[in-house]
Amino acid sequence: MNIDTNVFWEIIIGITTGVYAGFIVSRMARFSALTGEALRLVRGIDFIYGDVAQEAVTLLKIEEALAQFTLISSDFYSRGHRKAGDNLNIIGQEFGEVTATRPLTKEFMSRYVDWQRRVRTHPANLWAIFKPWLRIGEL
């Protein structure tokens, strides 16, 4: 092999690994963005125990978050992050349980903290992040 062939193959390998690394970073960034969006929705729920006027606002925010959670979880599913999508759907079901009980109880605060923790810590599917191929519209 001469030097021109070596340089050619080094360039091809460098470009290929760079593109693959870009896919990984893009997939991880999208997962983080979806997680951040879900966390913002949970944090946007205001709650003051015993405040009837604030309770109506809280219930409205929960309904808005629930509608958005459906979209975010479907995005997680389409990108291969089944556990993260399931986690959001379970939290959404808990939103429904909370809105069914009125007035809101002190238990709401502990659930609120738990929802934030669960959204922050739901796992990414590493295979979906590191798989070597790309689907149309994935990035």
C-alpha atoms as a PDB file:
ATOM      1  CA  MET A   1       0.000   0.000   0.000  1.00  0.00           C
ATOM      2  CA  ASN A   2       1.203   3.436  -0.758  1.00  0.00           C
ATOM      3  CA  ILE A   3       0.715   6.574   1.282  1.00  0.00           C
ATOM      4  CA  ASP A   4      -2.182   7.839  -0.879  1.00  0.00           C
ATOM      5  CA  THR A   5      -4.236   4.722  -0.146  1.00  0.00           C
ATOM      6  CA  ASN A   6      -3.532   4.985   3.583  1.00  0.00           C
ATOM      7  CA  VAL A   7      -4.596   8.630   3.662  1.00  0.00           C
ATOM      8  CA  PHE A   8      -7.751   7.794   1.701  1.00  0.00           C
ATOM      9  CA  TRP A   9      -8.777   5.056   4.173  1.00  0.00           C
ATOM     10  CA  GLU A  10      -7.923   7.207   7.184  1.00  0.00           C
ATOM     11  CA  ILE A  11     -10.186   9.969   5.829  1.00  0.00           C
ATOM     12  CA  ILE A  12     -13.027   7.500   5.162  1.00  0.00           C
ATOM     13  CA  ILE A  13     -12.728   6.010   8.666  1.00  0.00           C
ATOM     14  CA  GLY A  14     -12.535   9.472  10.238  1.00  0.00           C
ATOM     15  CA  ILE A  15     -15.646  10.686   8.426  1.00  0.00           C
ATOM     16  CA  THR A  16     -17.578   7.509   9.236  1.00  0.00           C
ATOM     17  CA  THR A  17     -16.764   7.613  12.952  1.00  0.00           C
ATOM     18  CA  GLY A  18     -17.513  11.346  13.068  1.00  0.00           C
ATOM     19  CA  VAL A  19     -20.940  10.860  11.499  1.00  0.00           C
ATOM     20  CA  TYR A  20     -21.713   7.968  13.861  1.00  0.00           C
ATOM     21  CA  ALA A  21     -20.659  10.062  16.877  1.00  0.00           C
ATOM     22  CA  GLY A  22     -22.937  12.826  15.596  1.00  0.00           C
ATOM     23  CA  PHE A  23     -25.877  10.386  15.494  1.00  0.00           C
ATOM     24  CA  ILE A  24     -25.208   9.367  19.095  1.00  0.00           C
ATOM     25  CA  VAL A  25     -24.974  12.957  20.312  1.00  0.00           C
ATOM     26  CA  SER A  26     -28.131  13.897  18.425  1.00  0.00           C
ATOM     27  CA  ARG A  27     -30.116  10.976  19.852  1.00  0.00           C
ATOM     28  CA  MET A  28     -28.943  11.673  23.389  1.00  0.00           C
ATOM     29  CA  ALA A  29     -29.713  15.375  23.024  1.00  0.00           C
ATOM     30  CA  ARG A  30     -33.238  14.597  21.827  1.00  0.00           C
ATOM     31  CA  PHE A  31     -33.798  12.231  24.765  1.00  0.00           C
ATOM     32  CA  SER A  32     -32.576  14.919  27.163  1.00  0.00           C
ATOM     33  CA  ALA A  33     -34.776  17.548  25.498  1.00  0.00           C
ATOM     34  CA  LEU A  34     -37.883  15.365  25.842  1.00  0.00           C
ATOM     35  CA  THR A  35     -37.018  14.630  29.475  1.00  0.00           C
ATOM     36  CA  GLY A  36     -36.522  18.337  30.145  1.00  0.00           C
ATOM     37  CA  GLU A  37     -39.834  19.173  28.498  1.00  0.00           C
ATOM     38  CA  ALA A  38     -41.673  16.630  30.664  1.00  0.00           C
ATOM     39  CA  LEU A  39     -39.913  17.911  33.784  1.00  0.00           C
ATOM     40  CA  ARG A  40     -40.875  21.511  32.955  1.00  0.00           C
ATOM     41  CA  LEU A  41     -44.504  20.447  32.679  1.00  0.00           C
ATOM     42  CA  VAL A  42     -44.416  18.810  36.107  1.00  0.00           C
ATOM     43  CA  ARG A  43     -42.646  21.794  37.647  1.00  0.00           C
ATOM     44  CA  GLY A  44     -45.233  24.107  36.076  1.00  0.00           C
ATOM     45  CA  ILE A  45     -47.928  22.653  38.318  1.00  0.00           C
ATOM     46  CA  ASP A  46     -48.469  25.124  41.170  1.00  0.00           C
ATOM     47  CA  PHE A  47     -49.922  23.856  44.409  1.00  0.00           C
ATOM     48  CA  ILE A  48     -50.798  25.590  47.668  1.00  0.00           C
ATOM     49  CA  TYR A  49     -52.540  23.361  50.171  1.00  0.00           C
ATOM     50  CA  GLY A  50     -55.918  24.715  51.229  1.00  0.00           C
ATOM     51  CA  ASP A  51     -56.098  27.492  48.619  1.00  0.00           C
ATOM     52  CA  VAL A  52     -59.335  26.874  46.683  1.00  0.00           C
ATOM     53  CA  ALA A  53     -58.562  29.442  43.967  1.00  0.00           C
ATOM     54  CA  GLN A  54     -55.094  27.979  43.408  1.00  0.00           C
ATOM     55  CA  GLU A  55     -56.552  24.464  43.271  1.00  0.00           C
ATOM     56  CA  ALA A  56     -58.510  25.317  40.114  1.00  0.00           C
ATOM     57  CA  VAL A  57     -55.296  26.567  38.490  1.00  0.00           C
ATOM     58  CA  THR A  58     -53.474  23.438  39.650  1.00  0.00           C
ATOM     59  CA  LEU A  59     -56.087  21.163  38.096  1.00  0.00           C
ATOM     60  CA  LEU A  60     -55.912  23.110  34.841  1.00  0.00           C
ATOM     61  CA  LYS A  61     -52.110  22.783  34.766  1.00  0.00           C
ATOM     62  CA  ILE A  62     -52.387  19.043  35.417  1.00  0.00           C
ATOM     63  CA  GLU A  63     -54.794  18.653  32.484  1.00  0.00           C
ATOM     64  CA  GLU A  64     -52.438  20.629  30.213  1.00  0.00           C
ATOM     65  CA  ALA A  65     -49.454  18.544  31.347  1.00  0.00           C
ATOM     66  CA  LEU A  66     -51.412  15.338  30.767  1.00  0.00           C
ATOM     67  CA  ALA A  67     -52.180  16.320  27.178  1.00  0.00           C
ATOM     68  CA  GLN A  68     -48.510  17.099  26.544  1.00  0.00           C
ATOM     69  CA  PHE A  69     -47.348  13.908  28.283  1.00  0.00           C
ATOM     70  CA  THR A  70     -49.256  11.886  25.699  1.00  0.00           C
ATOM     71  CA  LEU A  71     -47.304  13.572  22.913  1.00  0.00           C
ATOM     72  CA  ILE A  72     -43.961  13.295  24.689  1.00  0.00           C
ATOM     73  CA  SER A  73     -44.462   9.621  25.550  1.00  0.00           C
ATOM     74  CA  SER A  74     -45.366   8.831  21.940  1.00  0.00           C
ATOM     75  CA  ASP A  75     -42.152  10.561  20.901  1.00  0.00           C
ATOM     76  CA  PHE A  76     -40.211   8.403  23.392  1.00  0.00           C
ATOM     77  CA  TYR A  77     -41.886   5.268  21.992  1.00  0.00           C
ATOM     78  CA  SER A  78     -41.132   6.212  18.397  1.00  0.00           C
ATOM     79  CA  ARG A  79     -37.459   6.713  19.285  1.00  0.00           C
ATOM     80  CA  GLY A  80     -37.211   3.347  21.047  1.00  0.00           C
ATOM     81  CA  HIS A  81     -37.322   4.536  24.675  1.00  0.00           C
ATOM     82  CA  ARG A  82     -40.145   2.298  25.864  1.00  0.00           C
ATOM     83  CA  LYS A  83     -39.421   2.545  29.614  1.00  0.00           C
ATOM     84  CA  ALA A  84     -39.357   6.349  29.486  1.00  0.00           C
ATOM     85  CA  GLY A  85     -42.658   6.377  27.579  1.00  0.00           C
ATOM     86  CA  ASP A  86     -44.213   3.924  30.032  1.00  0.00           C
ATOM     87  CA  ASN A  87     -42.993   6.040  32.943  1.00  0.00           C
ATOM     88  CA  LEU A  88     -44.696   9.157  31.565  1.00  0.00           C
ATOM     89  CA  ASN A  89     -47.918   7.252  30.940  1.00  0.00           C
ATOM     90  CA  ILE A  90     -47.927   5.961  34.522  1.00  0.00           C
ATOM     91  CA  ILE A  91     -47.396   9.497  35.827  1.00  0.00           C
ATOM     92  CA  GLY A  92     -50.240  10.615  33.563  1.00  0.00           C
ATOM     93  CA  GLN A  93     -52.506   7.980  35.134  1.00  0.00           C
ATOM     94  CA  GLU A  94     -51.535   9.317  38.545  1.00  0.00           C
ATOM     95  CA  PHE A  95     -52.474  12.803  37.346  1.00  0.00           C
ATOM     96  CA  GLY A  96     -55.936  11.394  36.646  1.00  0.00           C
ATOM     97  CA  GLU A  97     -56.135   9.903  40.131  1.00  0.00           C
ATOM     98  CA  VAL A  98     -55.171  13.241  41.685  1.00  0.00           C
ATOM     99  CA  THR A  99     -57.707  15.244  39.710  1.00  0.00           C
ATOM    100  CA  ALA A 100     -60.454  12.800  40.741  1.00  0.00           C
ATOM    101  CA  THR A 101     -59.998  13.635  44.433  1.00  0.00           C
ATOM    102  CA  ARG A 102     -61.063  17.074  45.529  1.00  0.00           C
ATOM    103  CA  PRO A 103     -60.011  18.988  47.445  1.00  0.00           C
ATOM    104  CA  LEU A 104     -56.376  18.184  46.817  1.00  0.00           C
ATOM    105  CA  THR A 105     -54.729  16.630  49.853  1.00  0.00           C
ATOM    106  CA  LYS A 106     -51.329  17.109  51.467  1.00  0.00           C
ATOM    107  CA  GLU A 107     -50.336  13.861  49.740  1.00  0.00           C
ATOM    108  CA  PHE A 108     -50.227  15.847  46.500  1.00  0.00           C
ATOM    109  CA  MET A 109     -46.947  17.489  47.553  1.00  0.00           C
ATOM    110  CA  SER A 110     -45.174  14.165  48.100  1.00  0.00           C
ATOM    111  CA  ARG A 111     -46.516  12.907  44.761  1.00  0.00           C
ATOM    112  CA  TYR A 112     -45.353  16.129  43.105  1.00  0.00           C
ATOM    113  CA  VAL A 113     -41.792  15.588  44.348  1.00  0.00           C
ATOM    114  CA  ASP A 114     -41.955  11.922  43.327  1.00  0.00           C
ATOM    115  CA  TRP A 115     -43.125  12.828  39.793  1.00  0.00           C
ATOM    116  CA  GLN A 116     -40.160  15.143  39.362  1.00  0.00           C
ATOM    117  CA  ARG A 117     -37.736  12.479  40.575  1.00  0.00           C
ATOM    118  CA  ARG A 118     -39.202   9.835  38.272  1.00  0.00           C
ATOM    119  CA  VAL A 119     -39.114  12.093  35.217  1.00  0.00           C
ATOM    120  CA  ARG A 120     -35.503  13.059  35.942  1.00  0.00           C
ATOM    121  CA  THR A 121     -34.367   9.460  36.401  1.00  0.00           C
ATOM    122  CA  HIS A 122     -36.267   7.496  33.759  1.00  0.00           C
ATOM    123  CA  PRO A 123     -33.811   5.425  31.772  1.00  0.00           C
ATOM    124  CA  ALA A 124     -32.770   5.866  28.172  1.00  0.00           C
ATOM    125  CA  ASN A 125     -32.667   2.766  25.988  1.00  0.00           C
ATOM    126  CA  LEU A 126     -28.951   2.529  25.225  1.00  0.00           C
ATOM    127  CA  TRP A 127     -29.571   0.427  22.129  1.00  0.00           C
ATOM    128  CA  ALA A 128     -31.771   3.199  20.726  1.00  0.00           C
ATOM    129  CA  ILE A 129     -28.944   5.667  21.394  1.00  0.00           C
ATOM    130  CA  PHE A 130     -26.021   3.591  20.071  1.00  0.00           C
ATOM    131  CA  LYS A 131     -27.583   1.601  17.222  1.00  0.00           C
ATOM    132  CA  PRO A 132     -25.481   2.047  14.101  1.00  0.00           C
ATOM    133  CA  TRP A 133     -28.265   2.800  11.611  1.00  0.00           C
ATOM    134  CA  LEU A 134     -30.648   5.681  11.191  1.00  0.00           C
ATOM    135  CA  ARG A 135     -34.368   5.728  10.421  1.00  0.00           C
ATOM    136  CA  ILE A 136     -35.864   8.412   8.223  1.00  0.00           C
ATOM    137  CA  GLY A 137     -36.947  11.372  10.326  1.00  0.00           C
ATOM    138  CA  GLU A 138     -35.129  10.175  13.430  1.00  0.00           C
ATOM    139  CA  LEU A 139     -32.878  13.166  13.908  1.00  0.00           C
END
